[in-house]
Each structure stands twice: as C-alpha cells, then as structure tokens.
C-alpha cells in the first residue's frame, strides 16, 4: 500500500491522535449533519476552532469525504492524490480509489505531487468527525469549471451509490505587507475594512449561491485564496438540492493575538455549512 506522508512541518496541527482528540473534543460543534461545508485551512492555532465548526457539521456516517483544496489558478487541471491512503494522526486514511478513477477521467485530472496545506491540514478533523469515511483528495482551479466539477462529483457519487460529504477549503482576505495587499493602510481601519467590506462581500456571494460573484470577489478583491474549492462545493450543493450556505462563524488571525495592537498582516477565516 502506498501511503502519502505529511508534507507540512510540525506545528500546523497536532501529530498524535490524543492531542487531536483533546483539541477537538473541547470545541463547540455545529448542530447539524449536512452534506457540504467550507472551512479555512491555516494552522490550527489560528483557524482550527473555526475549521472544526465546519467539519463537525457534516454527516458523521459518510462513506467518503471529498476534501477540495485550492491554491490553483484558472485553467489548471484538477489535482488528485494518487496514493492508496494518506497519513493522519489516527492512522492511514484510505482513498476511495474507485471513485477517484471515475473522477480522474470525467475531470481530466492529474496527480498532485506538490506540497500544499489546503487539504492536508483538514484531514485529522475529517478523520475525527467522519471516522469510517474514505477520502477523495483533490484540488480545483479558480474558474467556473470547478462549479461544474462539483456537479460531477455529486453525479458520480449518486451513480455508484456513495454516501458522500464535500468539504471545501479556503482562507479569505490575506491583508498586509506579508501578502503585498494593504489598500486601507494599517491598524483598526484596515481590520474593519477586511471584516465589514472585503470578506463580507465574499461571504454574501457564497450565501447567495452566486458562483460568478464568488469568482469575481476572489479575483478582483483578493478575498479568497482557493475559490475553486468553494465553487466545487457550491456545484455539489446545487446538484444535491441543498439549500444555501449558512455562515457558522467568522474571525481573523488578528483575533487570536492577545495584544491590543493590530498586527500588520492578518487573514480572514469563515466556516459555512450547506443546509439539507
């Protein structure tokens, strides 16, 4: 069996099952059991609490969980983990190789050979909240084809009778000198603008189900680093007849800092669940 190893350095998330369980067991869970959600993908110190709200909203008895990552530009083919399983703190998480084979053909996918956080950082949570689910690891480009890819995921799961969850992965506005994006300067005014305008516009677009506006916000406002993953979840949700996305929680990395000083650079995080 070929097992995909960790690629992220220590510190992104706990590496032993006891620490993962301790972290997650003490957090507030979502009061639902849905089929699709959206979570951030920063290190757990910053966004783990918010990510857990999204992952815990999924049906716990799913047979497969498709974790949709991003960090890919428009036009990039979908990337799939091609191993038999992926290493997690709870042991190897098997990949649904049958469903992967079908989707590779339908989506013209290629192998994901790259180091990236958008899927890996969510896998311990996926394993914890959906302990018996197999994995689909794929990353989607930031274009409307990813919305269609989400539809194909739903249709393929129905065709082969898989009980599936879809978990999309994105962070929101990356603000400050670390990211070369400071249109509102620094301090309180900058943080207020990110929270109440830039991230708020993206959140509104996701909740409305407007795929074109989601993509516009990501491209023009720089308010999502992995819009393809979000579009994939939206396409899946539409095909499965789910309701709109509900915002479960929102914060920024600035909220984690106990200092009264607003950091020069910070990132927005949001958790969504799609109603059944």
Protein backbone atom coordinates (compact mmCIF):
# COMPACT_ATOMS: atom_id res chain seq x y z
CA UNK A 1 0.00 0.00 0.00
CA UNK A 2 1.31 3.42 -0.97
CA UNK A 3 0.67 6.00 1.77
CA UNK A 4 1.00 9.73 1.24
CA UNK A 5 3.16 11.18 4.02
CA UNK A 6 2.83 14.51 5.78
CA UNK A 7 4.22 17.43 3.79
CA UNK A 8 3.57 20.25 6.27
CA UNK A 9 6.12 20.92 9.00
CA UNK A 10 5.27 20.24 12.63
CA UNK A 11 3.18 23.00 14.20
CA UNK A 12 0.41 23.24 11.62
CA UNK A 13 -1.69 20.71 13.55
CA UNK A 14 -1.14 18.05 16.24
CA UNK A 15 0.59 14.90 15.03
CA UNK A 16 -0.77 12.42 17.59
CA UNK A 17 -4.33 11.21 17.99
CA UNK A 18 -4.61 12.11 21.69
CA UNK A 19 -3.72 15.74 21.03
CA UNK A 20 -6.11 15.97 18.09
CA UNK A 21 -8.93 14.46 20.14
CA UNK A 22 -8.18 16.77 23.07
CA UNK A 23 -8.25 19.83 20.83
CA UNK A 24 -11.46 18.91 19.01
CA UNK A 25 -13.44 17.49 21.93
CA UNK A 26 -13.38 20.81 23.74
CA UNK A 27 -14.74 22.90 20.86
CA UNK A 28 -18.24 23.98 20.04
CA UNK A 29 -19.75 21.72 17.38
CA UNK A 30 -22.25 22.55 14.69
CA UNK A 31 -25.82 21.43 15.39
CA UNK A 32 -26.49 19.68 12.09
CA UNK A 33 -25.48 16.74 9.92
CA UNK A 34 -25.19 18.03 6.38
CA UNK A 35 -23.50 17.02 3.17
CA UNK A 36 -21.28 20.00 2.37
CA UNK A 37 -19.25 22.62 4.22
CA UNK A 38 -16.48 25.18 3.75
CA UNK A 39 -13.59 25.56 6.19
CA UNK A 40 -10.37 27.60 6.47
CA UNK A 41 -7.00 25.92 6.14
CA UNK A 42 -4.49 27.85 8.25
CA UNK A 43 -2.59 26.31 11.14
CA UNK A 44 -4.88 25.14 13.89
CA UNK A 45 -3.62 27.79 16.32
CA UNK A 46 -5.22 30.40 14.10
CA UNK A 47 -8.20 28.74 12.44
CA UNK A 48 -8.63 25.29 13.97
CA UNK A 49 -11.63 26.27 16.06
CA UNK A 50 -13.44 27.72 13.04
CA UNK A 51 -12.50 24.80 10.80
CA UNK A 52 -13.93 22.37 13.33
CA UNK A 53 -17.28 24.16 13.23
CA UNK A 54 -17.48 23.41 9.51
CA UNK A 55 -16.20 19.83 9.60
CA UNK A 56 -18.42 18.90 12.54
CA UNK A 57 -21.46 19.99 10.52
CA UNK A 58 -21.03 17.06 8.12
CA UNK A 59 -22.88 13.74 8.35
CA UNK A 60 -20.70 11.55 10.60
CA UNK A 61 -21.59 8.27 8.89
CA UNK A 62 -20.47 9.25 5.39
CA UNK A 63 -18.78 6.56 3.31
CA UNK A 64 -16.47 9.07 1.62
CA UNK A 65 -15.43 12.67 2.24
CA UNK A 66 -14.15 14.71 -0.68
CA UNK A 67 -11.80 17.40 0.61
CA UNK A 68 -11.50 20.07 -2.06
CA UNK A 69 -8.36 22.17 -1.86
CA UNK A 70 -7.18 25.04 -3.96
CA UNK A 71 -4.23 27.41 -4.44
CA UNK A 72 -4.58 26.77 -8.19
CA UNK A 73 -5.05 29.38 -10.93
CA UNK A 74 -7.76 29.45 -13.55
CA UNK A 75 -7.39 26.76 -16.17
CA UNK A 76 -5.33 24.41 -14.02
CA UNK A 77 -6.46 20.77 -14.23
CA UNK A 78 -7.80 19.20 -11.03
CA UNK A 79 -5.10 17.59 -8.89
CA UNK A 80 -5.69 14.23 -7.20
CA UNK A 81 -3.70 12.39 -4.55
CA UNK A 82 -2.82 9.14 -6.30
CA UNK A 83 -1.77 7.08 -3.30
CA UNK A 84 -3.84 4.31 -1.70
CA UNK A 85 -4.11 6.17 1.61
CA UNK A 86 -2.99 9.36 3.37
CA UNK A 87 -1.19 9.52 6.69
CA UNK A 88 -3.12 11.08 9.58
CA UNK A 89 -2.64 11.11 13.37
CA UNK A 90 -5.34 8.40 13.54
CA UNK A 91 -3.53 6.14 11.09
CA UNK A 92 -3.75 5.91 7.31
CA UNK A 93 -6.98 7.27 5.80
CA UNK A 94 -7.82 5.12 2.77
CA UNK A 95 -8.64 6.77 -0.53
CA UNK A 96 -11.74 5.75 -2.47
CA UNK A 97 -9.81 4.54 -5.48
CA UNK A 98 -12.90 3.51 -7.44
CA UNK A 99 -14.50 6.93 -7.24
CA UNK A 100 -11.14 8.59 -7.87
CA UNK A 101 -10.69 6.61 -11.09
CA UNK A 102 -14.08 7.72 -12.35
CA UNK A 103 -13.46 11.36 -11.47
CA UNK A 104 -9.97 11.39 -12.94
CA UNK A 105 -11.49 10.50 -16.28
CA UNK A 106 -14.51 12.82 -16.01
CA UNK A 107 -12.50 15.84 -14.83
CA UNK A 108 -9.28 15.22 -16.78
CA UNK A 109 -7.39 15.23 -13.53
CA UNK A 110 -3.67 14.75 -12.92
CA UNK A 111 -1.52 13.72 -9.96
CA UNK A 112 -0.99 16.13 -7.07
CA UNK A 113 2.76 15.98 -6.47
CA UNK A 114 3.05 19.25 -4.60
CA UNK A 115 3.38 20.37 -1.02
CA UNK A 116 0.21 22.26 -0.06
CA UNK A 117 -1.81 22.89 3.09
CA UNK A 118 -5.34 23.23 1.73
CA UNK A 119 -6.26 19.55 2.04
CA UNK A 120 -3.74 18.14 4.49
CA UNK A 121 -4.48 20.46 7.40
CA UNK A 122 -8.15 19.39 7.44
CA UNK A 123 -7.60 15.63 7.30
CA UNK A 124 -7.25 15.00 11.06
CA UNK A 125 -10.62 16.71 11.54
CA UNK A 126 -12.18 14.78 8.67
CA UNK A 127 -10.93 11.54 10.21
CA UNK A 128 -12.13 12.50 13.69
CA UNK A 129 -15.64 13.62 12.74
CA UNK A 130 -16.18 11.05 9.93
CA UNK A 131 -14.14 8.11 11.25
CA UNK A 132 -15.25 5.49 8.73
CA UNK A 133 -15.14 7.63 5.60
CA UNK A 134 -12.71 7.06 2.79
CA UNK A 135 -11.03 10.10 1.27
CA UNK A 136 -11.09 11.90 -2.04
CA UNK A 137 -8.20 14.39 -2.16
CA UNK A 138 -8.46 16.87 -5.00
CA UNK A 139 -7.63 20.50 -5.67
CA UNK A 140 -9.54 22.69 -8.09
CA UNK A 141 -8.60 25.75 -10.14
CA UNK A 142 -10.11 29.19 -9.66
CA UNK A 143 -12.58 29.17 -12.54
CA UNK A 144 -16.19 28.26 -13.23
CA UNK A 145 -15.18 24.80 -14.44
CA UNK A 146 -14.80 23.95 -10.76
CA UNK A 147 -18.51 24.64 -10.23
CA UNK A 148 -19.19 22.02 -12.91
CA UNK A 149 -16.67 19.69 -11.26
CA UNK A 150 -18.72 19.86 -8.07
CA UNK A 151 -21.77 18.80 -10.04
CA UNK A 152 -19.86 15.85 -11.49
CA UNK A 153 -18.74 14.78 -8.01
CA UNK A 154 -22.39 14.70 -6.91
CA UNK A 155 -23.50 12.79 -10.01
CA UNK A 156 -20.68 10.26 -9.72
CA UNK A 157 -21.42 9.60 -6.05
CA UNK A 158 -25.08 9.04 -6.90
CA UNK A 159 -24.17 6.74 -9.79
CA UNK A 160 -22.08 4.41 -7.63
CA UNK A 161 -24.30 4.90 -4.55
CA UNK A 162 -21.75 6.56 -2.27
CA UNK A 163 -22.89 8.43 0.82
CA UNK A 164 -20.62 11.43 0.45
CA UNK A 165 -19.58 14.62 2.23
CA UNK A 166 -17.86 17.50 0.45
CA UNK A 167 -15.54 19.78 2.42
CA UNK A 168 -14.15 22.82 0.62
CA UNK A 169 -11.04 24.61 1.85
CA UNK A 170 -10.29 28.33 1.61
CA UNK A 171 -8.99 31.25 3.62
CA UNK A 172 -10.33 34.73 2.97
CA UNK A 173 -8.54 38.08 2.62
CA UNK A 174 -4.77 37.96 3.12
CA UNK A 175 -4.05 41.51 4.25
CA UNK A 176 -0.81 43.34 4.97
CA UNK A 177 2.82 43.58 3.93
CA UNK A 178 3.32 39.81 4.22
CA UNK A 179 0.93 39.42 1.30
CA UNK A 180 1.57 42.62 -0.66
CA UNK A 181 -2.03 43.78 -0.17
CA UNK A 182 -2.69 46.86 2.00
CA UNK A 183 -5.30 49.04 0.25
CA UNK A 184 -6.54 50.52 3.56
CA UNK A 185 -3.23 51.09 5.31
CA UNK A 186 -2.77 49.63 8.78
CA UNK A 187 -4.49 49.35 12.13
CA UNK A 188 -8.16 49.49 13.06
CA UNK A 189 -9.35 50.95 9.77
CA UNK A 190 -7.70 48.17 7.80
CA UNK A 191 -9.11 45.42 10.01
CA UNK A 192 -12.58 46.98 9.93
CA UNK A 193 -12.48 47.15 6.12
CA UNK A 194 -11.47 43.49 5.79
CA UNK A 195 -14.14 42.33 8.23
CA UNK A 196 -17.04 44.55 7.17
CA UNK A 197 -16.42 45.05 3.47
CA UNK A 198 -13.94 42.78 1.71
CA UNK A 199 -14.61 39.49 3.47
CA UNK A 200 -18.26 40.43 3.95
CA UNK A 201 -18.74 40.71 0.18
CA UNK A 202 -17.29 37.24 -0.40
CA UNK A 203 -19.39 35.75 2.39
CA UNK A 204 -22.51 37.35 0.91
CA UNK A 205 -21.69 35.86 -2.51
CA UNK A 206 -21.25 32.36 -1.05
CA UNK A 207 -24.50 32.59 0.89
CA UNK A 208 -26.38 33.77 -2.20
CA UNK A 209 -25.08 30.87 -4.30
CA UNK A 210 -23.81 33.26 -6.98
CA UNK A 211 -20.83 31.40 -8.47
CA UNK A 212 -19.81 34.24 -10.78
CA UNK A 213 -19.79 36.75 -7.92
CA UNK A 214 -17.75 34.35 -5.77
CA UNK A 215 -15.15 34.18 -8.53
CA UNK A 216 -15.24 37.96 -9.07
CA UNK A 217 -14.66 38.64 -5.38
CA UNK A 218 -11.74 36.24 -5.34
CA UNK A 219 -10.15 37.70 -8.46
CA UNK A 220 -10.86 41.43 -8.02
CA UNK A 221 -10.98 41.79 -4.23
CA UNK A 222 -8.40 39.12 -3.33
CA UNK A 223 -10.84 37.76 -0.75
CA UNK A 224 -10.32 34.03 -1.33
CA UNK A 225 -7.12 32.10 -1.97
CA UNK A 226 -8.92 28.93 -3.11
CA UNK A 227 -12.09 29.96 -4.89
CA UNK A 228 -12.10 26.79 -6.99
CA UNK A 229 -12.72 24.68 -3.90
CA UNK A 230 -15.64 26.90 -2.87
CA UNK A 231 -17.13 26.72 -6.36
CA UNK A 232 -16.82 22.93 -6.29
CA UNK A 233 -18.79 22.74 -3.05
CA UNK A 234 -21.42 25.09 -4.46
CA UNK A 235 -21.82 22.98 -7.61
CA UNK A 236 -22.14 19.86 -5.48
CA UNK A 237 -24.71 21.50 -3.23
CA UNK A 238 -26.82 22.70 -6.15
CA UNK A 239 -26.85 19.26 -7.76
CA UNK A 240 -27.83 17.59 -4.49
CA UNK A 241 -30.66 20.08 -4.00
CA UNK A 242 -29.19 21.58 -0.84
CA UNK A 243 -30.16 24.98 0.43
CA UNK A 244 -27.85 27.96 0.59
CA UNK A 245 -24.68 28.17 2.63
CA UNK A 246 -25.07 29.32 6.23
CA UNK A 247 -22.22 31.21 7.87
CA UNK A 248 -21.36 29.36 11.07
CA UNK A 249 -18.52 31.55 12.27
CA UNK A 250 -16.13 34.24 11.09
CA UNK A 251 -12.91 35.66 12.54
CA UNK A 252 -9.43 36.77 11.54
CA UNK A 253 -5.98 35.77 12.67
CA UNK A 254 -5.81 39.19 14.37
CA UNK A 255 -8.46 37.94 16.81
CA UNK A 256 -6.09 35.26 18.08
CA UNK A 257 -3.43 37.75 19.11
CA UNK A 258 -3.92 38.76 22.74
CA UNK A 259 -2.12 42.06 22.16
CA UNK A 260 -4.10 45.28 21.85
CA UNK A 261 -2.02 46.15 18.81
CA UNK A 262 -3.45 45.12 15.45
CA UNK A 263 -0.83 43.15 13.50
CA UNK A 264 0.48 44.48 10.23
CA UNK A 265 -0.64 41.32 8.44
CA UNK A 266 -3.65 39.08 9.08
CA UNK A 267 -6.02 36.65 7.33
CA UNK A 268 -9.80 36.15 7.36
CA UNK A 269 -11.43 32.80 8.16
CA UNK A 270 -15.01 31.60 7.74
CA UNK A 271 -16.92 28.36 8.30
CA UNK A 272 -20.04 27.58 6.25
CA UNK A 273 -22.50 24.70 6.16
CA UNK A 274 -24.97 23.96 3.39
CA UNK A 275 -28.45 23.19 4.66
CA UNK A 276 -30.19 19.98 3.63
